[in-house]
Amino acid sequence: MFKVLVDLNVVLDVLLDRPSLGPTSTQLLVLVDQKRLEGWLCASSIDTLDYLLRRSLKRDPLPHIRTLREILRIAPVDEAVIDAALNLGWGDLEDAIVHESARLSGLHAIVTRNTRNFARATLPVLTPEQFLDAHQGLTPSP
């Protein structure tokens, strides 16, 4: 099964109901929920997600995070990930950690809204639209 790291911004498209971005991000998460795609979230994104949802939704975000946890696997962040991310020499350590967490977890790609932040990635990096276009056979079931 194809394994992708779903970047935090894609998750936020869905949870914050971003009208122009949400539909394709939702399609991606539906594929994960239907077990047609294996979706992962970087461990370092969980607390950031909690903070951003708490601030944006003005209510307890834990039910949303629990639901995500039911469908997404967690890509660990440990010493090896941190050391590898530091050795990349990228300007943005957060993105380097996401990349190395995905790479060291054996994932096939990263799906993000910020592809330019991953310009030096060794993994394929796609927007939700690019991913869905490239994998049309994975269309969600009704």
Protein backbone atom coordinates (compact mmCIF):
# COMPACT_ATOMS: atom_id res chain seq x y z
CA MET A 1 0.00 0.00 0.00
CA PHE A 2 1.21 3.51 -0.81
CA LYS A 3 2.31 5.38 2.34
CA VAL A 4 2.25 9.18 2.58
CA LEU A 5 3.04 11.67 5.28
CA VAL A 6 0.17 14.13 5.41
CA ASP A 7 1.63 17.50 6.37
CA LEU A 8 -0.07 19.55 9.07
CA ASN A 9 -1.30 22.21 6.62
CA VAL A 10 -3.33 19.58 4.74
CA VAL A 11 -4.96 18.40 7.98
CA LEU A 12 -5.75 22.03 8.86
CA ASP A 13 -7.43 22.52 5.46
CA VAL A 14 -10.00 19.95 6.55
CA LEU A 15 -10.37 20.77 10.24
CA LEU A 16 -10.60 24.53 9.67
CA ASP A 17 -12.94 24.02 6.70
CA ARG A 18 -10.90 26.12 4.29
CA PRO A 19 -13.33 26.48 1.34
CA SER A 20 -10.81 26.77 -1.48
CA LEU A 21 -8.45 24.09 -0.14
CA GLY A 22 -10.55 21.68 1.88
CA PRO A 23 -12.15 19.50 -0.83
CA THR A 24 -8.95 17.91 -2.16
CA SER A 25 -7.47 17.60 1.32
CA THR A 26 -10.71 15.96 2.44
CA GLN A 27 -10.54 13.52 -0.51
CA LEU A 28 -7.04 12.55 0.57
CA LEU A 29 -8.12 11.86 4.16
CA VAL A 30 -11.18 9.93 2.92
CA LEU A 31 -8.82 7.64 0.98
CA VAL A 32 -6.87 7.08 4.18
CA ASP A 33 -10.06 6.43 6.17
CA GLN A 34 -11.19 3.93 3.50
CA LYS A 35 -7.82 2.14 3.83
CA ARG A 36 -7.00 2.75 0.17
CA LEU A 37 -3.94 4.76 1.19
CA GLU A 38 -1.81 4.65 4.33
CA GLY A 39 -1.62 8.11 5.87
CA TRP A 40 0.88 9.24 8.46
CA LEU A 41 1.30 12.41 10.52
CA CYS A 42 4.62 13.55 11.95
CA ALA A 43 4.69 13.20 15.75
CA SER A 44 5.99 16.75 16.09
CA SER A 45 2.81 18.04 14.44
CA ILE A 46 0.45 16.81 17.16
CA ASP A 47 1.14 19.51 19.76
CA THR A 48 1.19 22.20 17.07
CA LEU A 49 -2.18 20.94 15.85
CA ASP A 50 -3.55 21.11 19.39
CA TYR A 51 -2.33 24.70 19.78
CA LEU A 52 -3.63 25.90 16.39
CA LEU A 53 -7.03 24.25 16.76
CA ARG A 54 -7.46 25.54 20.31
CA ARG A 55 -6.72 29.06 19.08
CA SER A 56 -8.84 28.83 15.91
CA LEU A 57 -11.83 26.79 17.03
CA LYS A 58 -12.08 28.25 20.55
CA ARG A 59 -13.04 24.80 21.87
CA ASP A 60 -11.42 21.55 22.90
CA PRO A 61 -9.52 20.12 19.91
CA LEU A 62 -8.92 16.70 21.44
CA PRO A 63 -11.95 15.02 19.80
CA HIS A 64 -10.59 16.09 16.39
CA ILE A 65 -7.10 14.88 17.27
CA ARG A 66 -8.49 11.54 18.50
CA THR A 67 -10.39 11.09 15.23
CA LEU A 68 -7.24 11.83 13.24
CA ARG A 69 -5.32 9.37 15.38
CA GLU A 70 -7.84 6.66 14.50
CA ILE A 71 -7.10 7.01 10.78
CA LEU A 72 -3.49 8.28 10.64
CA ARG A 73 -0.38 6.50 11.80
CA ILE A 74 2.28 8.53 13.59
CA ALA A 75 5.77 8.96 12.13
CA PRO A 76 8.12 9.13 15.12
CA VAL A 77 10.54 11.89 15.94
CA ASP A 78 13.53 10.54 17.82
CA GLU A 79 17.27 11.22 18.04
CA ALA A 80 17.91 9.73 14.60
CA VAL A 81 15.25 11.96 13.00
CA ILE A 82 16.53 15.10 14.76
CA ASP A 83 20.17 14.36 13.87
CA ALA A 84 19.29 13.63 10.23
CA ALA A 85 17.18 16.81 10.03
CA LEU A 86 19.99 18.92 11.48
CA ASN A 87 22.42 17.41 8.97
CA LEU A 88 20.21 18.41 6.03
CA GLY A 89 21.16 22.05 6.56
CA TRP A 90 17.71 23.32 5.54
CA GLY A 91 16.66 26.79 6.63
CA ASP A 92 13.46 25.47 8.21
CA LEU A 93 14.12 22.82 10.84
CA GLU A 94 10.41 21.97 11.19
CA ASP A 95 10.19 20.92 7.54
CA ALA A 96 13.50 19.05 7.78
CA ILE A 97 12.12 17.09 10.75
CA VAL A 98 8.93 16.27 8.83
CA HIS A 99 10.99 15.08 5.85
CA GLU A 100 13.36 12.94 7.88
CA SER A 101 10.54 11.49 9.98
CA ALA A 102 8.84 10.40 6.75
CA ARG A 103 12.04 9.13 5.15
CA LEU A 104 13.20 7.15 8.16
CA SER A 105 9.70 5.67 8.55
CA GLY A 106 9.93 4.29 5.00
CA LEU A 107 7.14 6.45 3.59
CA HIS A 108 6.79 6.97 -0.15
CA ALA A 109 5.89 10.68 -0.35
CA ILE A 110 4.92 13.83 1.51
CA VAL A 111 1.64 15.60 0.74
CA THR A 112 1.75 19.29 1.65
CA ARG A 113 0.51 22.71 0.59
CA ASN A 114 4.05 24.09 0.90
CA THR A 115 5.99 22.12 -1.70
CA ARG A 116 8.54 24.92 -2.11
CA ASN A 117 9.63 24.41 1.52
CA PHE A 118 10.73 20.91 0.50
CA ALA A 119 12.69 21.92 -2.61
CA ARG A 120 15.71 19.86 -1.51
CA ALA A 121 13.71 16.79 -0.46
CA THR A 122 14.78 13.31 -1.48
CA LEU A 123 11.20 12.03 -1.19
CA PRO A 124 8.52 13.03 -3.71
CA VAL A 125 6.62 16.06 -2.39
CA LEU A 126 3.17 16.78 -3.82
CA THR A 127 0.19 19.01 -3.16
CA PRO A 128 -3.09 17.19 -2.47
CA GLU A 129 -4.20 18.04 -6.02
CA GLN A 130 -0.98 16.69 -7.53
CA PHE A 131 -1.23 13.52 -5.48
CA LEU A 132 -4.86 12.89 -6.45
CA ASP A 133 -4.11 13.58 -10.13
CA ALA A 134 -1.16 11.18 -10.08
CA HIS A 135 -3.15 8.47 -8.29
CA GLN A 136 -6.53 8.69 -10.00
CA GLY A 137 -7.17 5.00 -9.44
CA LEU A 138 -7.50 5.77 -5.73
CA THR A 139 -10.70 7.82 -6.09
CA PRO A 140 -12.69 7.62 -2.83
CA SER A 141 -15.67 5.29 -2.79
CA PRO A 142 -19.08 6.96 -2.35
